[in-house]
Amino acid sequence: MHAFRRLIQQRMDERGYRPADVVRLSGLSRQTLHSILSDSRDTIREMPSRKTVLVLAEALRMPADQLLIAAAEAYGVPVTAPVLVPTVTDVSDSELARELLRRAAAREGDDDPGPATLDLSDIDGESVLAVVDLRRRLLAEAAAEAQDRPGLAKTLEHLALVIAAALDQAANATDQGGR
C-alpha cells in the first residue's frame, strides 16, 4: 500500500470516517476516492492534483503539506519530511480535550492546589477562538452529563477551568507586553 493511501486511510480510521463521509466532506467523486483507497500498489503513476490534495486535507482535518509529502513519497520522490505539528484547529475536539486532560493530570502531582496550567502564550488568534469555543462546548457537555455521569462532568469542568486560566494568563501576558 502506498504512502498516500496509507495516510488517508489512517486519518479516516482515526476520525471514524467511512468513504461516503470523505466524499461528502471533500466533494470528490466516489470513483476518485475509491481509486485511491483501492490502489494496492506500492507507488502511484501520477501525482494527485493540488485540488484533490487540498479538499482531502480539509475533509480529513489535516495539513495539506502532510498529504503532499505522502503523495510525493508514493510517487517515488525521496522525501525527508520535517515533523509537522498540527495547530489547535487541525485536531478534533476530543483529541484536544484528551491532550489537555493528559497535561492536567501530569501536573496534578505538583502540590499546587490550583488548576493545572496550560501555556497558551504563543497561540495564534484563530487557535484562541478554537480554544474559547472548545471551553464553551466542554461546559455545555459537563452540564449535560452532570446527572448521569458526574465524574465525567467534573473532568470536563476541570478542563474548562484549565483553559480559562490559560486564556487569562495569555491575555495578562499580552497586556503586560503591550505596555
N, C-alpha and C. Protein backbone atom coordinates (compact mmCIF):
# COMPACT_ATOMS: atom_id res chain seq x y z
N MET A 1 0.86 -1.17 0.00
CA MET A 1 0.00 0.00 0.00
C MET A 1 0.91 1.24 0.00
N HIS A 2 0.64 2.18 -0.89
CA HIS A 2 1.49 3.36 -0.98
C HIS A 2 1.18 4.36 0.14
N ALA A 3 2.14 5.26 0.34
CA ALA A 3 2.08 6.19 1.47
C ALA A 3 0.86 7.10 1.43
N PHE A 4 0.46 7.53 0.25
CA PHE A 4 -0.70 8.43 0.10
C PHE A 4 -1.97 7.72 0.60
N ARG A 5 -2.21 6.52 0.11
CA ARG A 5 -3.38 5.76 0.54
C ARG A 5 -3.30 5.46 2.04
N ARG A 6 -2.11 5.05 2.50
CA ARG A 6 -1.95 4.69 3.90
C ARG A 6 -2.30 5.86 4.82
N LEU A 7 -1.84 7.07 4.47
CA LEU A 7 -2.12 8.24 5.32
C LEU A 7 -3.61 8.59 5.30
N ILE A 8 -4.21 8.54 4.12
CA ILE A 8 -5.65 8.84 4.03
C ILE A 8 -6.44 7.83 4.85
N GLN A 9 -6.12 6.55 4.69
CA GLN A 9 -6.83 5.50 5.42
C GLN A 9 -6.63 5.66 6.93
N GLN A 10 -5.42 6.00 7.33
CA GLN A 10 -5.12 6.20 8.75
C GLN A 10 -5.98 7.33 9.33
N ARG A 11 -6.05 8.45 8.62
CA ARG A 11 -6.84 9.59 9.12
C ARG A 11 -8.33 9.24 9.13
N MET A 12 -8.79 8.52 8.12
CA MET A 12 -10.20 8.10 8.11
C MET A 12 -10.48 7.22 9.33
N ASP A 13 -9.58 6.28 9.61
CA ASP A 13 -9.77 5.39 10.75
C ASP A 13 -9.76 6.17 12.06
N GLU A 14 -8.82 7.13 12.19
CA GLU A 14 -8.73 7.94 13.41
C GLU A 14 -10.01 8.73 13.65
N ARG A 15 -10.61 9.22 12.59
CA ARG A 15 -11.80 10.06 12.71
C ARG A 15 -13.10 9.27 12.63
N GLY A 16 -13.00 7.97 12.36
CA GLY A 16 -14.20 7.15 12.23
C GLY A 16 -14.97 7.45 10.96
N TYR A 17 -14.29 7.92 9.92
CA TYR A 17 -14.93 8.26 8.65
C TYR A 17 -15.06 7.03 7.76
N ARG A 18 -16.18 6.96 7.09
CA ARG A 18 -16.38 5.99 6.01
C ARG A 18 -16.07 6.71 4.70
N PRO A 19 -15.85 5.98 3.62
CA PRO A 19 -15.62 6.65 2.34
C PRO A 19 -16.73 7.64 1.97
N ALA A 20 -17.97 7.29 2.27
CA ALA A 20 -19.08 8.20 1.96
C ALA A 20 -18.94 9.52 2.71
N ASP A 21 -18.41 9.48 3.93
CA ASP A 21 -18.19 10.70 4.70
C ASP A 21 -17.15 11.58 4.03
N VAL A 22 -16.07 10.96 3.57
CA VAL A 22 -15.00 11.72 2.93
C VAL A 22 -15.48 12.31 1.60
N VAL A 23 -16.27 11.55 0.85
CA VAL A 23 -16.84 12.07 -0.40
C VAL A 23 -17.71 13.28 -0.11
N ARG A 24 -18.56 13.17 0.91
CA ARG A 24 -19.45 14.29 1.27
C ARG A 24 -18.66 15.51 1.73
N LEU A 25 -17.66 15.30 2.57
CA LEU A 25 -16.90 16.41 3.13
C LEU A 25 -15.94 17.05 2.12
N SER A 26 -15.43 16.25 1.20
CA SER A 26 -14.41 16.75 0.27
C SER A 26 -14.99 17.24 -1.05
N GLY A 27 -16.12 16.66 -1.45
CA GLY A 27 -16.65 16.99 -2.77
C GLY A 27 -16.02 16.16 -3.88
N LEU A 28 -15.11 15.26 -3.54
CA LEU A 28 -14.53 14.37 -4.55
C LEU A 28 -15.58 13.38 -5.02
N SER A 29 -15.39 12.86 -6.21
CA SER A 29 -16.31 11.83 -6.68
C SER A 29 -16.02 10.52 -5.95
N ARG A 30 -17.04 9.67 -5.90
CA ARG A 30 -16.85 8.35 -5.28
C ARG A 30 -15.77 7.57 -6.01
N GLN A 31 -15.74 7.73 -7.35
CA GLN A 31 -14.77 6.99 -8.16
C GLN A 31 -13.34 7.42 -7.82
N THR A 32 -13.13 8.73 -7.65
CA THR A 32 -11.78 9.22 -7.33
C THR A 32 -11.32 8.66 -5.99
N LEU A 33 -12.17 8.77 -4.97
CA LEU A 33 -11.79 8.27 -3.65
C LEU A 33 -11.60 6.75 -3.70
N HIS A 34 -12.50 6.05 -4.39
CA HIS A 34 -12.38 4.59 -4.49
C HIS A 34 -11.06 4.20 -5.15
N SER A 35 -10.67 4.92 -6.20
CA SER A 35 -9.42 4.56 -6.88
C SER A 35 -8.22 4.76 -5.96
N ILE A 36 -8.28 5.77 -5.09
CA ILE A 36 -7.18 6.00 -4.13
C ILE A 36 -7.17 4.90 -3.08
N LEU A 37 -8.35 4.61 -2.52
CA LEU A 37 -8.43 3.67 -1.40
C LEU A 37 -8.29 2.20 -1.81
N SER A 38 -8.49 1.90 -3.08
CA SER A 38 -8.37 0.51 -3.51
C SER A 38 -7.05 0.23 -4.23
N ASP A 39 -6.21 1.23 -4.36
CA ASP A 39 -4.92 1.07 -5.05
C ASP A 39 -3.96 0.31 -4.15
N SER A 40 -3.61 -0.90 -4.52
CA SER A 40 -2.76 -1.73 -3.67
C SER A 40 -1.29 -1.68 -4.06
N ARG A 41 -0.95 -0.86 -5.05
CA ARG A 41 0.45 -0.76 -5.47
C ARG A 41 1.28 -0.04 -4.41
N ASP A 42 2.58 -0.21 -4.50
CA ASP A 42 3.50 0.47 -3.59
C ASP A 42 3.78 1.90 -4.02
N THR A 43 3.56 2.20 -5.29
CA THR A 43 3.79 3.55 -5.82
C THR A 43 2.59 3.96 -6.68
N ILE A 44 2.48 5.26 -6.92
CA ILE A 44 1.42 5.76 -7.79
C ILE A 44 2.05 6.23 -9.10
N ARG A 45 1.27 6.19 -10.19
CA ARG A 45 1.78 6.53 -11.52
C ARG A 45 1.84 8.04 -11.76
N GLU A 46 0.94 8.76 -11.10
CA GLU A 46 0.95 10.21 -11.24
C GLU A 46 0.53 10.87 -9.94
N MET A 47 1.02 12.07 -9.76
CA MET A 47 0.70 12.82 -8.55
C MET A 47 -0.78 13.23 -8.59
N PRO A 48 -1.45 13.21 -7.44
CA PRO A 48 -2.82 13.73 -7.41
C PRO A 48 -2.80 15.24 -7.64
N SER A 49 -3.91 15.75 -8.12
CA SER A 49 -3.97 17.20 -8.37
C SER A 49 -3.91 17.95 -7.05
N ARG A 50 -3.47 19.19 -7.14
CA ARG A 50 -3.41 20.05 -5.94
C ARG A 50 -4.80 20.16 -5.31
N LYS A 51 -5.83 20.29 -6.16
CA LYS A 51 -7.20 20.41 -5.66
C LYS A 51 -7.61 19.16 -4.88
N THR A 52 -7.26 17.99 -5.40
CA THR A 52 -7.60 16.74 -4.71
C THR A 52 -6.93 16.70 -3.35
N VAL A 53 -5.66 17.07 -3.29
CA VAL A 53 -4.94 17.06 -2.02
C VAL A 53 -5.56 18.06 -1.05
N LEU A 54 -5.89 19.26 -1.53
CA LEU A 54 -6.44 20.29 -0.65
C LEU A 54 -7.80 19.89 -0.08
N VAL A 55 -8.69 19.36 -0.93
CA VAL A 55 -10.02 19.01 -0.42
C VAL A 55 -9.96 17.79 0.50
N LEU A 56 -9.05 16.85 0.20
CA LEU A 56 -8.89 15.71 1.11
C LEU A 56 -8.34 16.16 2.46
N ALA A 57 -7.35 17.04 2.42
CA ALA A 57 -6.77 17.54 3.67
C ALA A 57 -7.82 18.26 4.51
N GLU A 58 -8.63 19.05 3.86
CA GLU A 58 -9.67 19.77 4.59
C GLU A 58 -10.69 18.78 5.17
N ALA A 59 -11.11 17.82 4.37
CA ALA A 59 -12.09 16.84 4.83
C ALA A 59 -11.55 16.02 6.00
N LEU A 60 -10.26 15.69 5.93
CA LEU A 60 -9.65 14.86 6.97
C LEU A 60 -9.07 15.69 8.11
N ARG A 61 -9.22 17.02 8.01
CA ARG A 61 -8.75 17.96 9.02
C ARG A 61 -7.28 17.72 9.36
N MET A 62 -6.47 17.90 8.31
CA MET A 62 -5.04 17.71 8.47
C MET A 62 -4.32 18.69 7.55
N PRO A 63 -3.06 18.97 7.82
CA PRO A 63 -2.31 19.89 6.96
C PRO A 63 -2.13 19.30 5.55
N ALA A 64 -2.39 20.11 4.55
CA ALA A 64 -2.26 19.67 3.16
C ALA A 64 -0.83 19.24 2.85
N ASP A 65 0.14 19.91 3.48
CA ASP A 65 1.55 19.55 3.25
C ASP A 65 1.83 18.10 3.62
N GLN A 66 1.17 17.64 4.64
CA GLN A 66 1.36 16.25 5.06
C GLN A 66 0.91 15.29 3.97
N LEU A 67 -0.24 15.60 3.36
CA LEU A 67 -0.73 14.76 2.27
C LEU A 67 0.15 14.88 1.03
N LEU A 68 0.63 16.09 0.75
CA LEU A 68 1.52 16.27 -0.40
C LEU A 68 2.80 15.46 -0.24
N ILE A 69 3.34 15.45 0.94
CA ILE A 69 4.56 14.68 1.20
C ILE A 69 4.29 13.20 1.01
N ALA A 70 3.15 12.71 1.52
CA ALA A 70 2.80 11.30 1.35
C ALA A 70 2.60 10.96 -0.12
N ALA A 71 1.96 11.88 -0.88
CA ALA A 71 1.76 11.65 -2.31
C ALA A 71 3.11 11.61 -3.03
N ALA A 72 3.99 12.53 -2.69
CA ALA A 72 5.32 12.56 -3.31
C ALA A 72 6.08 11.27 -3.01
N GLU A 73 6.00 10.82 -1.78
CA GLU A 73 6.67 9.57 -1.40
C GLU A 73 6.08 8.41 -2.19
N ALA A 74 4.75 8.37 -2.33
CA ALA A 74 4.10 7.31 -3.09
C ALA A 74 4.46 7.37 -4.57
N TYR A 75 4.76 8.54 -5.07
CA TYR A 75 5.14 8.74 -6.47
C TYR A 75 6.60 8.35 -6.70
N GLY A 76 7.34 8.19 -5.61
CA GLY A 76 8.73 7.77 -5.72
C GLY A 76 9.74 8.87 -5.48
N VAL A 77 9.27 10.03 -5.06
CA VAL A 77 10.18 11.13 -4.77
C VAL A 77 10.77 10.89 -3.37
N PRO A 78 12.10 10.86 -3.26
CA PRO A 78 12.66 10.69 -1.92
C PRO A 78 12.38 11.94 -1.08
N VAL A 79 11.72 11.75 0.03
CA VAL A 79 11.37 12.89 0.87
C VAL A 79 11.91 12.67 2.27
N THR A 80 12.37 13.74 2.82
CA THR A 80 12.72 13.76 4.24
C THR A 80 11.87 14.86 4.82
N ALA A 81 10.74 14.47 5.33
CA ALA A 81 9.76 15.44 5.81
C ALA A 81 10.08 15.89 7.22
N PRO A 82 9.93 17.18 7.48
CA PRO A 82 10.05 17.65 8.85
C PRO A 82 8.87 17.14 9.66
N VAL A 83 9.04 17.13 10.96
CA VAL A 83 7.94 16.75 11.83
C VAL A 83 6.92 17.88 11.79
N LEU A 84 5.71 17.55 11.41
CA LEU A 84 4.65 18.55 11.33
C LEU A 84 3.85 18.53 12.62
N VAL A 85 3.71 19.67 13.23
CA VAL A 85 2.95 19.78 14.46
C VAL A 85 1.64 20.47 14.12
N PRO A 86 0.51 19.80 14.30
CA PRO A 86 -0.75 20.42 13.96
C PRO A 86 -1.10 21.56 14.91
N THR A 87 -1.85 22.53 14.40
CA THR A 87 -2.34 23.59 15.25
C THR A 87 -3.62 23.12 15.92
N VAL A 88 -4.13 23.90 16.81
CA VAL A 88 -5.35 23.55 17.54
C VAL A 88 -6.50 23.29 16.57
N THR A 89 -6.54 24.02 15.47
CA THR A 89 -7.65 23.86 14.53
C THR A 89 -7.51 22.60 13.68
N ASP A 90 -6.35 21.93 13.71
CA ASP A 90 -6.13 20.73 12.91
C ASP A 90 -6.53 19.45 13.62
N VAL A 91 -6.85 19.52 14.89
CA VAL A 91 -7.19 18.32 15.64
C VAL A 91 -8.64 18.37 16.08
N SER A 92 -9.20 17.21 16.30
CA SER A 92 -10.60 17.15 16.72
C SER A 92 -10.74 17.63 18.16
N ASP A 93 -11.95 17.98 18.53
CA ASP A 93 -12.21 18.43 19.90
C ASP A 93 -11.83 17.35 20.90
N SER A 94 -12.16 16.09 20.58
CA SER A 94 -11.86 15.02 21.54
C SER A 94 -10.36 14.82 21.67
N GLU A 95 -9.59 14.95 20.55
CA GLU A 95 -8.14 14.83 20.63
C GLU A 95 -7.56 15.96 21.47
N LEU A 96 -8.06 17.17 21.28
CA LEU A 96 -7.58 18.31 22.04
C LEU A 96 -7.93 18.16 23.52
N ALA A 97 -9.16 17.75 23.80
CA ALA A 97 -9.57 17.57 25.19
C ALA A 97 -8.74 16.48 25.86
N ARG A 98 -8.47 15.39 25.13
CA ARG A 98 -7.64 14.32 25.67
C ARG A 98 -6.24 14.82 26.02
N GLU A 99 -5.66 15.63 25.12
CA GLU A 99 -4.32 16.16 25.37
C GLU A 99 -4.33 17.12 26.56
N LEU A 100 -5.35 17.97 26.65
CA LEU A 100 -5.45 18.88 27.79
C LEU A 100 -5.60 18.10 29.09
N LEU A 101 -6.41 17.06 29.06
CA LEU A 101 -6.59 16.24 30.25
C LEU A 101 -5.28 15.55 30.64
N ARG A 102 -4.55 15.04 29.64
CA ARG A 102 -3.27 14.40 29.92
C ARG A 102 -2.31 15.38 30.58
N ARG A 103 -2.26 16.61 30.05
CA ARG A 103 -1.37 17.61 30.63
C ARG A 103 -1.81 18.00 32.03
N ALA A 104 -3.11 18.14 32.22
CA ALA A 104 -3.61 18.50 33.54
C ALA A 104 -3.31 17.39 34.54
N ALA A 105 -3.50 16.14 34.13
CA ALA A 105 -3.22 15.01 35.02
C ALA A 105 -1.73 14.91 35.35
N ALA A 106 -0.89 15.21 34.37
CA ALA A 106 0.56 15.15 34.61
C ALA A 106 0.99 16.17 35.64
N ARG A 107 0.29 17.28 35.71
CA ARG A 107 0.65 18.33 36.66
C ARG A 107 -0.03 18.17 38.00
N GLU A 108 -0.98 17.24 38.10
CA GLU A 108 -1.69 17.01 39.37
C GLU A 108 -0.73 16.61 40.47
N GLY A 109 0.36 15.94 40.12
CA GLY A 109 1.33 15.50 41.11
C GLY A 109 2.02 16.65 41.81
N ASP A 110 2.03 17.84 41.19
CA ASP A 110 2.60 19.01 41.84
C ASP A 110 1.69 19.37 43.01
N ASP A 111 2.24 19.82 44.09
CA ASP A 111 1.43 20.14 45.26
C ASP A 111 0.72 21.48 45.12
N ASP A 112 0.34 21.81 43.93
CA ASP A 112 -0.33 23.07 43.64
C ASP A 112 -1.84 22.85 43.75
N PRO A 113 -2.51 23.53 44.66
CA PRO A 113 -3.94 23.32 44.83
C PRO A 113 -4.78 23.92 43.70
N GLY A 114 -4.22 24.83 42.92
CA GLY A 114 -4.96 25.46 41.85
C GLY A 114 -5.04 24.58 40.62
N PRO A 115 -5.75 25.04 39.60
CA PRO A 115 -5.86 24.23 38.39
C PRO A 115 -4.50 24.10 37.71
N ALA A 116 -4.34 23.00 37.00
CA ALA A 116 -3.10 22.82 36.24
C ALA A 116 -2.98 23.95 35.23
N THR A 117 -1.74 24.29 34.91
CA THR A 117 -1.55 25.38 33.98
C THR A 117 -1.33 24.85 32.58
N LEU A 118 -1.68 25.65 31.63
CA LEU A 118 -1.53 25.34 30.23
C LEU A 118 -0.97 26.59 29.59
N ASP A 119 0.15 26.47 28.90
CA ASP A 119 0.80 27.64 28.32
C ASP A 119 0.23 27.92 26.93
N LEU A 120 -0.47 29.02 26.79
CA LEU A 120 -1.02 29.45 25.51
C LEU A 120 -0.38 30.75 25.05
N SER A 121 0.80 31.06 25.54
CA SER A 121 1.42 32.35 25.24
C SER A 121 1.77 32.52 23.77
N ASP A 122 2.04 31.43 23.06
CA ASP A 122 2.41 31.54 21.66
C ASP A 122 1.27 31.18 20.71
N ILE A 123 0.06 31.15 21.20
CA ILE A 123 -1.07 30.71 20.40
C ILE A 123 -1.51 31.83 19.45
N ASP A 124 -1.90 31.44 18.24
CA ASP A 124 -2.35 32.45 17.27
C ASP A 124 -3.84 32.74 17.48
N GLY A 125 -4.30 33.80 16.85
CA GLY A 125 -5.67 34.28 17.05
C GLY A 125 -6.73 33.26 16.69
N GLU A 126 -6.54 32.55 15.56
CA GLU A 126 -7.52 31.56 15.14
C GLU A 126 -7.60 30.42 16.15
N SER A 127 -6.46 30.03 16.69
CA SER A 127 -6.43 28.96 17.68
C SER A 127 -7.06 29.42 18.99
N VAL A 128 -6.88 30.69 19.36
CA VAL A 128 -7.53 31.21 20.57
C VAL A 128 -9.04 31.06 20.45
N LEU A 129 -9.57 31.42 19.29
CA LEU A 129 -11.02 31.29 19.08
C LEU A 129 -11.45 29.83 19.19
N ALA A 130 -10.65 28.92 18.64
CA ALA A 130 -10.97 27.50 18.73
C ALA A 130 -10.94 27.02 20.18
N VAL A 131 -9.98 27.50 20.95
CA VAL A 131 -9.87 27.09 22.36
C VAL A 131 -11.04 27.66 23.17
N VAL A 132 -11.41 28.91 22.90
CA VAL A 132 -12.55 29.51 23.60
C VAL A 132 -13.82 28.72 23.28
N ASP A 133 -13.99 28.35 22.01
CA ASP A 133 -15.16 27.58 21.61
C ASP A 133 -15.13 26.19 22.26
N LEU A 134 -13.96 25.59 22.34
CA LEU A 134 -13.84 24.29 23.00
C LEU A 134 -14.24 24.40 24.47
N ARG A 135 -13.81 25.47 25.14
CA ARG A 135 -14.17 25.68 26.55
C ARG A 135 -15.69 25.76 26.70
N ARG A 136 -16.33 26.50 25.79
CA ARG A 136 -17.79 26.64 25.82
C ARG A 136 -18.46 25.27 25.66
N ARG A 137 -17.95 24.47 24.72
CA ARG A 137 -18.54 23.16 24.49
C ARG A 137 -18.27 22.20 25.65
N LEU A 138 -17.11 22.31 26.27
CA LEU A 138 -16.82 21.48 27.45
C LEU A 138 -17.80 21.77 28.57
N LEU A 139 -18.07 23.05 28.80
CA LEU A 139 -19.02 23.42 29.86
C LEU A 139 -20.43 22.94 29.54
N ALA A 140 -20.82 23.06 28.27
CA ALA A 140 -22.15 22.59 27.87
C ALA A 140 -22.26 21.08 28.04
N GLU A 141 -21.21 20.36 27.65
CA GLU A 141 -21.20 18.91 27.79
C GLU A 141 -21.19 18.51 29.27
N ALA A 142 -20.46 19.25 30.09
CA ALA A 142 -20.43 18.98 31.53
C ALA A 142 -21.82 19.13 32.13
N ALA A 143 -22.52 20.18 31.73
CA ALA A 143 -23.88 20.39 32.23
C ALA A 143 -24.81 19.26 31.80
N ALA A 144 -24.64 18.80 30.56
CA ALA A 144 -25.48 17.72 30.05
C ALA A 144 -25.19 16.39 30.74
N GLU A 145 -23.96 16.17 31.15
CA GLU A 145 -23.55 14.90 31.76
C GLU A 145 -23.65 14.90 33.28
N ALA A 146 -23.94 16.05 33.89
CA ALA A 146 -23.89 16.18 35.35
C ALA A 146 -24.77 15.17 36.07
N GLN A 147 -25.93 14.91 35.56
CA GLN A 147 -26.87 14.00 36.22
C GLN A 147 -26.44 12.54 36.10
N ASP A 148 -26.13 12.11 34.87
CA ASP A 148 -25.86 10.70 34.62
C ASP A 148 -24.41 10.28 34.85
N ARG A 149 -23.49 11.19 34.57
CA ARG A 149 -22.07 10.84 34.68
C ARG A 149 -21.32 11.98 35.36
N PRO A 150 -21.50 12.10 36.68
CA PRO A 150 -20.90 13.23 37.40
C PRO A 150 -19.37 13.25 37.35
N GLY A 151 -18.73 12.09 37.27
CA GLY A 151 -17.27 12.06 37.18
C GLY A 151 -16.79 12.70 35.88
N LEU A 152 -17.45 12.35 34.79
CA LEU A 152 -17.11 12.95 33.50
C LEU A 152 -17.39 14.45 33.53
N ALA A 153 -18.53 14.84 34.11
CA ALA A 153 -18.87 16.26 34.19
C ALA A 153 -17.81 17.03 34.96
N LYS A 154 -17.34 16.46 36.05
CA LYS A 154 -16.30 17.12 36.86
C LYS A 154 -15.00 17.26 36.06
N THR A 155 -14.64 16.23 35.31
CA THR A 155 -13.43 16.28 34.49
C THR A 155 -13.56 17.35 33.41
N LEU A 156 -14.70 17.41 32.76
CA LEU A 156 -14.93 18.42 31.73
C LEU A 156 -14.90 19.83 32.31
N GLU A 157 -15.48 20.00 33.48
CA GLU A 157 -15.43 21.31 34.15
C GLU A 157 -13.99 21.68 34.50
N HIS A 158 -13.22 20.70 34.94
CA HIS A 158 -11.81 20.95 35.26
C HIS A 158 -11.05 21.38 34.01
N LEU A 159 -11.28 20.70 32.90
CA LEU A 159 -10.62 21.08 31.64
C LEU A 159 -11.00 22.50 31.25
N ALA A 160 -12.27 22.84 31.40
CA ALA A 160 -12.72 24.20 31.08
C ALA A 160 -12.04 25.22 31.99
N LEU A 161 -11.83 24.86 33.26
CA LEU A 161 -11.15 25.74 34.20
C LEU A 161 -9.68 25.92 33.81
N VAL A 162 -9.04 24.84 33.39
CA VAL A 162 -7.64 24.91 32.95
C VAL A 162 -7.54 25.82 31.73
N ILE A 163 -8.46 25.68 30.79
CA ILE A 163 -8.47 26.52 29.59
C ILE A 163 -8.68 27.98 29.96
N ALA A 164 -9.65 28.24 30.85
CA ALA A 164 -9.93 29.62 31.24
C ALA A 164 -8.71 30.26 31.90
N ALA A 165 -8.05 29.50 32.78
CA ALA A 165 -6.85 30.04 33.45
C ALA A 165 -5.74 30.32 32.45
N ALA A 166 -5.57 29.44 31.47
CA ALA A 166 -4.54 29.65 30.45
C ALA A 166 -4.86 30.85 29.58
N LEU A 167 -6.13 31.01 29.23
CA LEU A 167 -6.52 32.17 28.42
C LEU A 167 -6.31 33.47 29.20
N ASP A 168 -6.65 33.46 30.48
CA ASP A 168 -6.43 34.64 31.31
C ASP A 168 -4.94 34.95 31.41
N GLN A 169 -4.14 33.92 31.62
CA GLN A 169 -2.69 34.11 31.73
C GLN A 169 -2.12 34.66 30.42
N ALA A 170 -2.57 34.13 29.29
CA ALA A 170 -2.08 34.62 27.99
C ALA A 170 -2.51 36.06 27.75
N ALA A 171 -3.76 36.39 28.15
CA ALA A 171 -4.25 37.76 28.00
C ALA A 171 -3.45 38.73 28.87
N ASN A 172 -3.17 38.32 30.11
CA ASN A 172 -2.40 39.17 31.01
C ASN A 172 -0.98 39.38 30.48
N ALA A 173 -0.38 38.32 29.94
CA ALA A 173 0.96 38.44 29.38
C ALA A 173 0.97 39.38 28.18
N THR A 174 -0.08 39.32 27.38
CA THR A 174 -0.20 40.20 26.22
C THR A 174 -0.37 41.64 26.68
N ASP A 175 -1.22 41.84 27.71
CA ASP A 175 -1.44 43.19 28.24
C ASP A 175 -0.15 43.79 28.79
N GLN A 176 0.60 42.97 29.53
CA GLN A 176 1.86 43.47 30.12
C GLN A 176 2.92 43.69 29.05
N GLY A 177 2.90 42.87 28.00
CA GLY A 177 3.87 43.03 26.93
C GLY A 177 3.61 44.26 26.10
N GLY A 178 2.35 44.70 26.05
CA GLY A 178 1.99 45.86 25.25
C GLY A 178 2.21 47.19 25.93
N ARG A 179 2.55 47.17 27.20
CA ARG A 179 2.73 48.41 27.95
C ARG A 179 4.09 48.97 27.77
